[in-house]
Full PDB file with SEQRES, HELIX, SHEET, SSBOND, CRYST1, ORIGX, SCALE, CONECT and MASTER records, all heavy atoms in Angstrom:
SEQRES   1 A   37  LEU GLY LYS ALA LEU ILE ASP ALA LYS GLN VAL ASP THR          
SEQRES   2 A   37  VAL VAL TYR GLU ASN LYS GLY GLY ALA ALA GLY ALA LEU          
SEQRES   3 A   37  GLY LEU ALA GLN PHE VAL ASN ALA SER LYS GLY                  
HELIX    1 AA1 GLY A    2  ASP A    7  1                                   6    
HELIX    2 AA2 ALA A   22  GLY A   24  5                                   3    
HELIX    3 AA3 ALA A   25  ALA A   34  1                                  10    
CRYST1    1.000    1.000    1.000  90.00  90.00  90.00 P 1           1          
ORIGX1      1.000000  0.000000  0.000000        0.00000                         
ORIGX2      0.000000  1.000000  0.000000        0.00000                         
ORIGX3      0.000000  0.000000  1.000000        0.00000                         
SCALE1      1.000000  0.000000  0.000000        0.00000                         
SCALE2      0.000000  1.000000  0.000000        0.00000                         
SCALE3      0.000000  0.000000  1.000000        0.00000                         
ATOM      1  N   LEU A   1       5.506 143.417-225.456  1.00  0.00           N  
ATOM      2  CA  LEU A   1       4.808 143.353-226.814  1.00  0.00           C  
ATOM      3  C   LEU A   1       3.299 143.319-226.609  1.00  0.00           C  
ATOM      4  O   LEU A   1       2.607 143.989-227.365  1.00  0.00           O  
ATOM      5  CB  LEU A   1       5.171 142.024-227.519  1.00  0.00           C  
ATOM      6  CG  LEU A   1       4.524 141.788-228.847  1.00  0.00           C  
ATOM      7  CD1 LEU A   1       4.916 142.921-229.850  1.00  0.00           C  
ATOM      8  CD2 LEU A   1       4.971 140.455-229.414  1.00  0.00           C  
ATOM      9  N   GLY A   2       2.723 142.613-225.604  1.00  0.00           N  
ATOM     10  CA  GLY A   2       1.306 142.697-225.399  1.00  0.00           C  
ATOM     11  C   GLY A   2       0.817 144.044-225.083  1.00  0.00           C  
ATOM     12  O   GLY A   2      -0.211 144.553-225.655  1.00  0.00           O  
ATOM     13  N   LYS A   3       1.500 144.814-224.341  1.00  0.00           N  
ATOM     14  CA  LYS A   3       1.192 146.203-224.074  1.00  0.00           C  
ATOM     15  C   LYS A   3       1.191 147.063-225.275  1.00  0.00           C  
ATOM     16  O   LYS A   3       0.337 147.910-225.563  1.00  0.00           O  
ATOM     17  CB  LYS A   3       2.102 146.752-222.969  1.00  0.00           C  
ATOM     18  CG  LYS A   3       1.700 148.176-222.514  1.00  0.00           C  
ATOM     19  CD  LYS A   3       2.683 148.628-221.356  1.00  0.00           C  
ATOM     20  CE  LYS A   3       2.210 150.011-220.801  1.00  0.00           C  
ATOM     21  NZ  LYS A   3       2.271 151.131-221.718  1.00  0.00           N  
ATOM     22  N   ALA A   4       2.205 146.821-226.126  1.00  0.00           N  
ATOM     23  CA  ALA A   4       2.441 147.514-227.345  1.00  0.00           C  
ATOM     24  C   ALA A   4       1.300 147.207-228.397  1.00  0.00           C  
ATOM     25  O   ALA A   4       0.800 148.052-229.031  1.00  0.00           O  
ATOM     26  CB  ALA A   4       3.741 147.321-227.994  1.00  0.00           C  
ATOM     27  N   LEU A   5       0.808 145.985-228.410  1.00  0.00           N  
ATOM     28  CA  LEU A   5      -0.276 145.538-229.282  1.00  0.00           C  
ATOM     29  C   LEU A   5      -1.619 146.251-228.835  1.00  0.00           C  
ATOM     30  O   LEU A   5      -2.315 146.708-229.737  1.00  0.00           O  
ATOM     31  CB  LEU A   5      -0.425 144.061-229.234  1.00  0.00           C  
ATOM     32  CG  LEU A   5       0.575 143.224-229.951  1.00  0.00           C  
ATOM     33  CD1 LEU A   5       0.524 141.810-229.487  1.00  0.00           C  
ATOM     34  CD2 LEU A   5       0.294 143.358-231.512  1.00  0.00           C  
ATOM     35  N   ILE A   6      -1.770 146.401-227.569  1.00  0.00           N  
ATOM     36  CA  ILE A   6      -2.941 147.070-227.112  1.00  0.00           C  
ATOM     37  C   ILE A   6      -2.820 148.548-227.337  1.00  0.00           C  
ATOM     38  O   ILE A   6      -3.726 149.269-227.823  1.00  0.00           O  
ATOM     39  CB  ILE A   6      -3.161 146.798-225.627  1.00  0.00           C  
ATOM     40  CG1 ILE A   6      -3.501 145.374-225.421  1.00  0.00           C  
ATOM     41  CG2 ILE A   6      -4.252 147.742-225.048  1.00  0.00           C  
ATOM     42  CD1 ILE A   6      -3.536 144.913-223.895  1.00  0.00           C  
ATOM     43  N   ASP A   7      -1.597 149.148-227.147  1.00  0.00           N  
ATOM     44  CA  ASP A   7      -1.382 150.582-227.344  1.00  0.00           C  
ATOM     45  C   ASP A   7      -1.550 150.892-228.848  1.00  0.00           C  
ATOM     46  O   ASP A   7      -2.069 151.999-229.036  1.00  0.00           O  
ATOM     47  CB  ASP A   7       0.063 150.865-227.005  1.00  0.00           C  
ATOM     48  CG  ASP A   7       0.452 152.366-227.017  1.00  0.00           C  
ATOM     49  OD1 ASP A   7      -0.211 153.129-226.276  1.00  0.00           O  
ATOM     50  OD2 ASP A   7       1.260 152.743-227.880  1.00  0.00           O  
ATOM     51  N   ALA A   8      -1.197 150.033-229.718  1.00  0.00           N  
ATOM     52  CA  ALA A   8      -1.355 150.258-231.158  1.00  0.00           C  
ATOM     53  C   ALA A   8      -2.712 149.936-231.719  1.00  0.00           C  
ATOM     54  O   ALA A   8      -2.996 149.990-232.855  1.00  0.00           O  
ATOM     55  CB  ALA A   8      -0.324 149.475-231.902  1.00  0.00           C  
ATOM     56  N   LYS A   9      -3.651 149.537-230.724  1.00  0.00           N  
ATOM     57  CA  LYS A   9      -5.057 149.139-231.113  1.00  0.00           C  
ATOM     58  C   LYS A   9      -5.110 147.999-232.059  1.00  0.00           C  
ATOM     59  O   LYS A   9      -6.009 148.014-232.917  1.00  0.00           O  
ATOM     60  CB  LYS A   9      -5.777 150.383-231.616  1.00  0.00           C  
ATOM     61  CG  LYS A   9      -5.961 151.518-230.540  1.00  0.00           C  
ATOM     62  CD  LYS A   9      -6.670 152.743-231.149  1.00  0.00           C  
ATOM     63  CE  LYS A   9      -7.106 153.703-230.020  1.00  0.00           C  
ATOM     64  NZ  LYS A   9      -6.036 153.978-229.117  1.00  0.00           N  
ATOM     65  N   GLN A  10      -4.194 147.066-231.886  1.00  0.00           N  
ATOM     66  CA  GLN A  10      -4.220 145.853-232.754  1.00  0.00           C  
ATOM     67  C   GLN A  10      -4.966 144.737-232.105  1.00  0.00           C  
ATOM     68  O   GLN A  10      -5.457 143.846-232.720  1.00  0.00           O  
ATOM     69  CB  GLN A  10      -2.783 145.357-233.118  1.00  0.00           C  
ATOM     70  CG  GLN A  10      -2.006 146.379-233.828  1.00  0.00           C  
ATOM     71  CD  GLN A  10      -2.601 146.687-235.236  1.00  0.00           C  
ATOM     72  OE1 GLN A  10      -2.802 145.775-235.987  1.00  0.00           O  
ATOM     73  NE2 GLN A  10      -3.007 147.926-235.380  1.00  0.00           N  
ATOM     74  N   VAL A  11      -5.000 144.790-230.731  1.00  0.00           N  
ATOM     75  CA  VAL A  11      -5.833 143.771-229.961  1.00  0.00           C  
ATOM     76  C   VAL A  11      -6.597 144.446-228.858  1.00  0.00           C  
ATOM     77  O   VAL A  11      -6.150 145.530-228.418  1.00  0.00           O  
ATOM     78  CB  VAL A  11      -4.910 142.654-229.384  1.00  0.00           C  
ATOM     79  CG1 VAL A  11      -4.163 141.867-230.523  1.00  0.00           C  
ATOM     80  CG2 VAL A  11      -3.945 143.136-228.333  1.00  0.00           C  
ATOM     81  N   ASP A  12      -7.565 143.853-228.373  1.00  0.00           N  
ATOM     82  CA  ASP A  12      -8.321 144.322-227.179  1.00  0.00           C  
ATOM     83  C   ASP A  12      -7.684 143.896-225.838  1.00  0.00           C  
ATOM     84  O   ASP A  12      -7.548 144.601-224.929  1.00  0.00           O  
ATOM     85  CB  ASP A  12      -9.798 143.924-227.248  1.00  0.00           C  
ATOM     86  CG  ASP A  12     -10.528 144.636-228.441  1.00  0.00           C  
ATOM     87  OD1 ASP A  12     -10.019 145.799-228.735  1.00  0.00           O  
ATOM     88  OD2 ASP A  12     -11.519 144.151-228.894  1.00  0.00           O  
ATOM     89  N   THR A  13      -7.355 142.595-225.813  1.00  0.00           N  
ATOM     90  CA  THR A  13      -6.881 142.008-224.567  1.00  0.00           C  
ATOM     91  C   THR A  13      -5.663 141.028-224.910  1.00  0.00           C  
ATOM     92  O   THR A  13      -5.682 140.478-226.055  1.00  0.00           O  
ATOM     93  CB  THR A  13      -7.889 141.278-223.737  1.00  0.00           C  
ATOM     94  OG1 THR A  13      -8.395 140.212-224.561  1.00  0.00           O  
ATOM     95  CG2 THR A  13      -9.020 142.201-223.404  1.00  0.00           C  
ATOM     96  N   VAL A  14      -4.866 140.723-223.927  1.00  0.00           N  
ATOM     97  CA  VAL A  14      -3.812 139.774-224.044  1.00  0.00           C  
ATOM     98  C   VAL A  14      -3.778 138.956-222.766  1.00  0.00           C  
ATOM     99  O   VAL A  14      -3.778 139.456-221.714  1.00  0.00           O  
ATOM    100  CB  VAL A  14      -2.449 140.375-224.271  1.00  0.00           C  
ATOM    101  CG1 VAL A  14      -1.289 139.272-224.467  1.00  0.00           C  
ATOM    102  CG2 VAL A  14      -2.357 141.303-225.508  1.00  0.00           C  
ATOM    103  N   VAL A  15      -3.862 137.686-222.952  1.00  0.00           N  
ATOM    104  CA  VAL A  15      -3.772 136.726-221.806  1.00  0.00           C  
ATOM    105  C   VAL A  15      -2.408 136.025-221.931  1.00  0.00           C  
ATOM    106  O   VAL A  15      -2.009 135.395-222.888  1.00  0.00           O  
ATOM    107  CB  VAL A  15      -4.913 135.648-221.972  1.00  0.00           C  
ATOM    108  CG1 VAL A  15      -4.760 134.612-220.806  1.00  0.00           C  
ATOM    109  CG2 VAL A  15      -6.245 136.340-221.906  1.00  0.00           C  
ATOM    110  N   TYR A  16      -1.659 136.076-220.806  1.00  0.00           N  
ATOM    111  CA  TYR A  16      -0.301 135.564-220.732  1.00  0.00           C  
ATOM    112  C   TYR A  16      -0.314 134.208-220.086  1.00  0.00           C  
ATOM    113  O   TYR A  16      -1.034 134.080-219.070  1.00  0.00           O  
ATOM    114  CB  TYR A  16       0.660 136.495-220.041  1.00  0.00           C  
ATOM    115  CG  TYR A  16       0.629 137.898-220.693  1.00  0.00           C  
ATOM    116  CD1 TYR A  16      -0.144 138.899-220.128  1.00  0.00           C  
ATOM    117  CD2 TYR A  16       1.406 138.202-221.790  1.00  0.00           C  
ATOM    118  CE1 TYR A  16      -0.133 140.206-220.668  1.00  0.00           C  
ATOM    119  CE2 TYR A  16       1.420 139.506-222.321  1.00  0.00           C  
ATOM    120  CZ  TYR A  16       0.643 140.432-221.811  1.00  0.00           C  
ATOM    121  OH  TYR A  16       0.651 141.770-222.297  1.00  0.00           O  
ATOM    122  N   GLU A  17       0.551 133.347-220.486  1.00  0.00           N  
ATOM    123  CA  GLU A  17       0.695 132.078-219.799  1.00  0.00           C  
ATOM    124  C   GLU A  17       2.290 131.739-219.712  1.00  0.00           C  
ATOM    125  O   GLU A  17       2.954 131.711-220.747  1.00  0.00           O  
ATOM    126  CB  GLU A  17       0.046 130.914-220.495  1.00  0.00           C  
ATOM    127  CG  GLU A  17       0.231 129.612-219.764  1.00  0.00           C  
ATOM    128  CD  GLU A  17      -0.582 128.440-220.297  1.00  0.00           C  
ATOM    129  OE1 GLU A  17      -1.220 128.586-221.426  1.00  0.00           O  
ATOM    130  OE2 GLU A  17      -0.552 127.411-219.755  1.00  0.00           O  
ATOM    131  N   ASN A  18       2.736 131.663-218.442  1.00  0.00           N  
ATOM    132  CA  ASN A  18       4.149 131.257-218.315  1.00  0.00           C  
ATOM    133  C   ASN A  18       4.331 129.687-218.154  1.00  0.00           C  
ATOM    134  O   ASN A  18       3.514 129.087-217.472  1.00  0.00           O  
ATOM    135  CB  ASN A  18       4.730 131.865-217.062  1.00  0.00           C  
ATOM    136  CG  ASN A  18       4.957 133.348-217.073  1.00  0.00           C  
ATOM    137  OD1 ASN A  18       3.978 134.203-216.923  1.00  0.00           O  
ATOM    138  ND2 ASN A  18       6.144 133.775-217.623  1.00  0.00           N  
ATOM    139  N   LYS A  19       5.253 129.211-218.883  1.00  0.00           N  
ATOM    140  CA  LYS A  19       5.573 127.699-218.827  1.00  0.00           C  
ATOM    141  C   LYS A  19       7.017 127.575-218.999  1.00  0.00           C  
ATOM    142  O   LYS A  19       7.569 127.423-220.066  1.00  0.00           O  
ATOM    143  CB  LYS A  19       4.749 126.918-219.841  1.00  0.00           C  
ATOM    144  CG  LYS A  19       4.932 125.420-219.827  1.00  0.00           C  
ATOM    145  CD  LYS A  19       4.324 124.716-218.677  1.00  0.00           C  
ATOM    146  CE  LYS A  19       4.427 123.273-218.747  1.00  0.00           C  
ATOM    147  NZ  LYS A  19       3.865 122.683-217.444  1.00  0.00           N  
ATOM    148  N   GLY A  20       7.747 127.554-217.863  1.00  0.00           N  
ATOM    149  CA  GLY A  20       9.231 127.517-217.878  1.00  0.00           C  
ATOM    150  C   GLY A  20       9.763 126.147-217.928  1.00  0.00           C  
ATOM    151  O   GLY A  20       9.075 125.158-217.660  1.00  0.00           O  
ATOM    152  N   GLY A  21      10.934 125.944-218.328  1.00  0.00           N  
ATOM    153  CA  GLY A  21      11.764 124.778-218.288  1.00  0.00           C  
ATOM    154  C   GLY A  21      12.327 124.300-219.607  1.00  0.00           C  
ATOM    155  O   GLY A  21      11.784 124.582-220.712  1.00  0.00           O  
ATOM    156  N   ALA A  22      13.463 123.660-219.555  1.00  0.00           N  
ATOM    157  CA  ALA A  22      14.131 123.058-220.747  1.00  0.00           C  
ATOM    158  C   ALA A  22      14.397 124.066-221.896  1.00  0.00           C  
ATOM    159  O   ALA A  22      14.195 123.757-222.986  1.00  0.00           O  
ATOM    160  CB  ALA A  22      13.375 121.878-221.280  1.00  0.00           C  
ATOM    161  N   ALA A  23      14.869 125.225-221.465  1.00  0.00           N  
ATOM    162  CA  ALA A  23      15.219 126.278-222.478  1.00  0.00           C  
ATOM    163  C   ALA A  23      14.045 126.638-223.340  1.00  0.00           C  
ATOM    164  O   ALA A  23      14.152 126.997-224.526  1.00  0.00           O  
ATOM    165  CB  ALA A  23      16.402 125.898-223.316  1.00  0.00           C  
ATOM    166  N   GLY A  24      12.807 126.568-222.709  1.00  0.00           N  
ATOM    167  CA  GLY A  24      11.610 126.914-223.467  1.00  0.00           C  
ATOM    168  C   GLY A  24      10.925 125.727-224.139  1.00  0.00           C  
ATOM    169  O   GLY A  24       9.827 125.877-224.718  1.00  0.00           O  
ATOM    170  N   ALA A  25      11.581 124.592-224.105  1.00  0.00           N  
ATOM    171  CA  ALA A  25      10.999 123.385-224.779  1.00  0.00           C  
ATOM    172  C   ALA A  25       9.632 122.931-224.175  1.00  0.00           C  
ATOM    173  O   ALA A  25       8.743 122.484-224.962  1.00  0.00           O  
ATOM    174  CB  ALA A  25      11.976 122.188-224.692  1.00  0.00           C  
ATOM    175  N   LEU A  26       9.451 123.087-222.905  1.00  0.00           N  
ATOM    176  CA  LEU A  26       8.126 122.800-222.356  1.00  0.00           C  
ATOM    177  C   LEU A  26       7.065 123.681-222.813  1.00  0.00           C  
ATOM    178  O   LEU A  26       5.923 123.196-223.192  1.00  0.00           O  
ATOM    179  CB  LEU A  26       8.298 122.792-220.730  1.00  0.00           C  
ATOM    180  CG  LEU A  26       9.274 121.833-220.165  1.00  0.00           C  
ATOM    181  CD1 LEU A  26       9.168 121.871-218.648  1.00  0.00           C  
ATOM    182  CD2 LEU A  26       8.995 120.356-220.609  1.00  0.00           C  
ATOM    183  N   GLY A  27       7.328 124.955-222.750  1.00  0.00           N  
ATOM    184  CA  GLY A  27       6.365 125.887-223.336  1.00  0.00           C  
ATOM    185  C   GLY A  27       6.082 125.741-224.785  1.00  0.00           C  
ATOM    186  O   GLY A  27       4.925 125.848-225.185  1.00  0.00           O  
ATOM    187  N   LEU A  28       7.121 125.486-225.558  1.00  0.00           N  
ATOM    188  CA  LEU A  28       6.968 125.200-226.964  1.00  0.00           C  
ATOM    189  C   LEU A  28       6.060 124.079-227.241  1.00  0.00           C  
ATOM    190  O   LEU A  28       5.112 124.083-228.079  1.00  0.00           O  
ATOM    191  CB  LEU A  28       8.392 124.958-227.586  1.00  0.00           C  
ATOM    192  CG  LEU A  28       8.416 124.480-229.039  1.00  0.00           C  
ATOM    193  CD1 LEU A  28       7.790 125.522-229.949  1.00  0.00           C  
ATOM    194  CD2 LEU A  28       9.805 124.154-229.460  1.00  0.00           C  
ATOM    195  N   ALA A  29       6.251 122.903-226.549  1.00  0.00           N  
ATOM    196  CA  ALA A  29       5.478 121.742-226.726  1.00  0.00           C  
ATOM    197  C   ALA A  29       4.004 121.991-226.461  1.00  0.00           C  
ATOM    198  O   ALA A  29       3.080 121.642-227.059  1.00  0.00           O  
ATOM    199  CB  ALA A  29       5.999 120.643-225.873  1.00  0.00           C  
ATOM    200  N   GLN A  30       3.800 122.712-225.227  1.00  0.00           N  
ATOM    201  CA  GLN A  30       2.404 123.051-224.938  1.00  0.00           C  
ATOM    202  C   GLN A  30       1.699 123.973-225.926  1.00  0.00           C  
ATOM    203  O   GLN A  30       0.610 123.795-226.266  1.00  0.00           O  
ATOM    204  CB  GLN A  30       2.410 123.718-223.518  1.00  0.00           C  
ATOM    205  CG  GLN A  30       0.959 124.091-223.086  1.00  0.00           C  
ATOM    206  CD  GLN A  30       1.002 124.523-221.547  1.00  0.00           C  
ATOM    207  OE1 GLN A  30       1.551 123.845-220.786  1.00  0.00           O  
ATOM    208  NE2 GLN A  30       0.384 125.693-221.260  1.00  0.00           N  
ATOM    209  N   PHE A  31       2.509 124.971-226.428  1.00  0.00           N  
ATOM    210  CA  PHE A  31       1.954 125.876-227.427  1.00  0.00           C  
ATOM    211  C   PHE A  31       1.598 125.189-228.688  1.00  0.00           C  
ATOM    212  O   PHE A  31       0.480 125.356-229.260  1.00  0.00           O  
ATOM    213  CB  PHE A  31       3.042 126.952-227.671  1.00  0.00           C  
ATOM    214  CG  PHE A  31       2.657 127.980-228.730  1.00  0.00           C  
ATOM    215  CD1 PHE A  31       1.760 128.978-228.473  1.00  0.00           C  
ATOM    216  CD2 PHE A  31       3.213 127.856-230.009  1.00  0.00           C  
ATOM    217  CE1 PHE A  31       1.375 129.885-229.421  1.00  0.00           C  
ATOM    218  CE2 PHE A  31       2.881 128.833-230.998  1.00  0.00           C  
ATOM    219  CZ  PHE A  31       1.933 129.853-230.736  1.00  0.00           C  
ATOM    220  N   VAL A  32       2.505 124.269-229.165  1.00  0.00           N  
ATOM    221  CA  VAL A  32       2.259 123.565-230.453  1.00  0.00           C  
ATOM    222  C   VAL A  32       1.013 122.645-230.312  1.00  0.00           C  
ATOM    223  O   VAL A  32       0.183 122.661-231.183  1.00  0.00           O  
ATOM    224  CB  VAL A  32       3.514 122.788-230.834  1.00  0.00           C  
ATOM    225  CG1 VAL A  32       3.156 121.743-231.863  1.00  0.00           C  
ATOM    226  CG2 VAL A  32       4.640 123.714-231.305  1.00  0.00           C  
ATOM    227  N   ASN A  33       0.910 121.921-229.158  1.00  0.00           N  
ATOM    228  CA  ASN A  33      -0.094 121.061-228.975  1.00  0.00           C  
ATOM    229  C   ASN A  33      -1.518 121.618-228.735  1.00  0.00           C  
ATOM    230  O   ASN A  33      -2.559 121.162-229.083  1.00  0.00           O  
ATOM    231  CB  ASN A  33       0.129 120.038-227.908  1.00  0.00           C  
ATOM    232  CG  ASN A  33       1.373 119.123-228.262  1.00  0.00           C  
ATOM    233  OD1 ASN A  33       1.573 118.793-229.411  1.00  0.00           O  
ATOM    234  ND2 ASN A  33       2.178 118.776-227.264  1.00  0.00           N  
ATOM    235  N   ALA A  34      -1.491 122.757-228.051  1.00  0.00           N  
ATOM    236  CA  ALA A  34      -2.708 123.365-227.637  1.00  0.00           C  
ATOM    237  C   ALA A  34      -3.265 124.502-228.568  1.00  0.00           C  
ATOM    238  O   ALA A  34      -4.431 124.959-228.448  1.00  0.00           O  
ATOM    239  CB  ALA A  34      -2.651 124.050-226.241  1.00  0.00           C  
ATOM    240  N   SER A  35      -2.400 124.917-229.452  1.00  0.00           N  
ATOM    241  CA  SER A  35      -2.791 126.133-230.284  1.00  0.00           C  
ATOM    242  C   SER A  35      -2.909 125.904-231.793  1.00  0.00           C  
ATOM    243  O   SER A  35      -2.904 126.794-232.519  1.00  0.00           O  
ATOM    244  CB  SER A  35      -1.785 127.212-230.017  1.00  0.00           C  
ATOM    245  OG  SER A  35      -1.748 127.590-228.640  1.00  0.00           O  
ATOM    246  N   LYS A  36      -2.980 124.583-232.166  1.00  0.00           N  
ATOM    247  CA  LYS A  36      -3.029 124.315-233.595  1.00  0.00           C  
ATOM    248  C   LYS A  36      -4.143 125.029-234.286  1.00  0.00           C  
ATOM    249  O   LYS A  36      -5.330 125.024-233.943  1.00  0.00           O  
ATOM    250  CB  LYS A  36      -3.177 122.825-233.784  1.00  0.00           C  
ATOM    251  CG  LYS A  36      -1.988 122.018-233.305  1.00  0.00           C  
ATOM    252  CD  LYS A  36      -2.182 120.567-233.538  1.00  0.00           C  
ATOM    253  CE  LYS A  36      -0.951 119.723-233.023  1.00  0.00           C  
ATOM    254  NZ  LYS A  36      -1.116 118.315-233.108  1.00  0.00           N  
ATOM    255  N   GLY A  37      -3.768 125.772-235.379  1.00  0.00           N  
ATOM    256  CA  GLY A  37      -4.757 126.461-236.082  1.00  0.00           C  
ATOM    257  C   GLY A  37      -5.327 127.747-235.524  1.00  0.00           C  
ATOM    258  O   GLY A  37      -6.224 128.405-236.040  1.00  0.00           O  
TER     259      GLY A  37                                                      
MASTER        0    0    0    3    0    0    0    6  258    1    0    3          
END                                                                             
């Protein structure tokens, strides 16, 4: 999706962060707490 967003000229760059564990719950918690707004 990141590659497609760049290909479609919707974004300039995409920074990825992997956070595995608990069926995605660890990544979800980090995303919710760190990305508010």
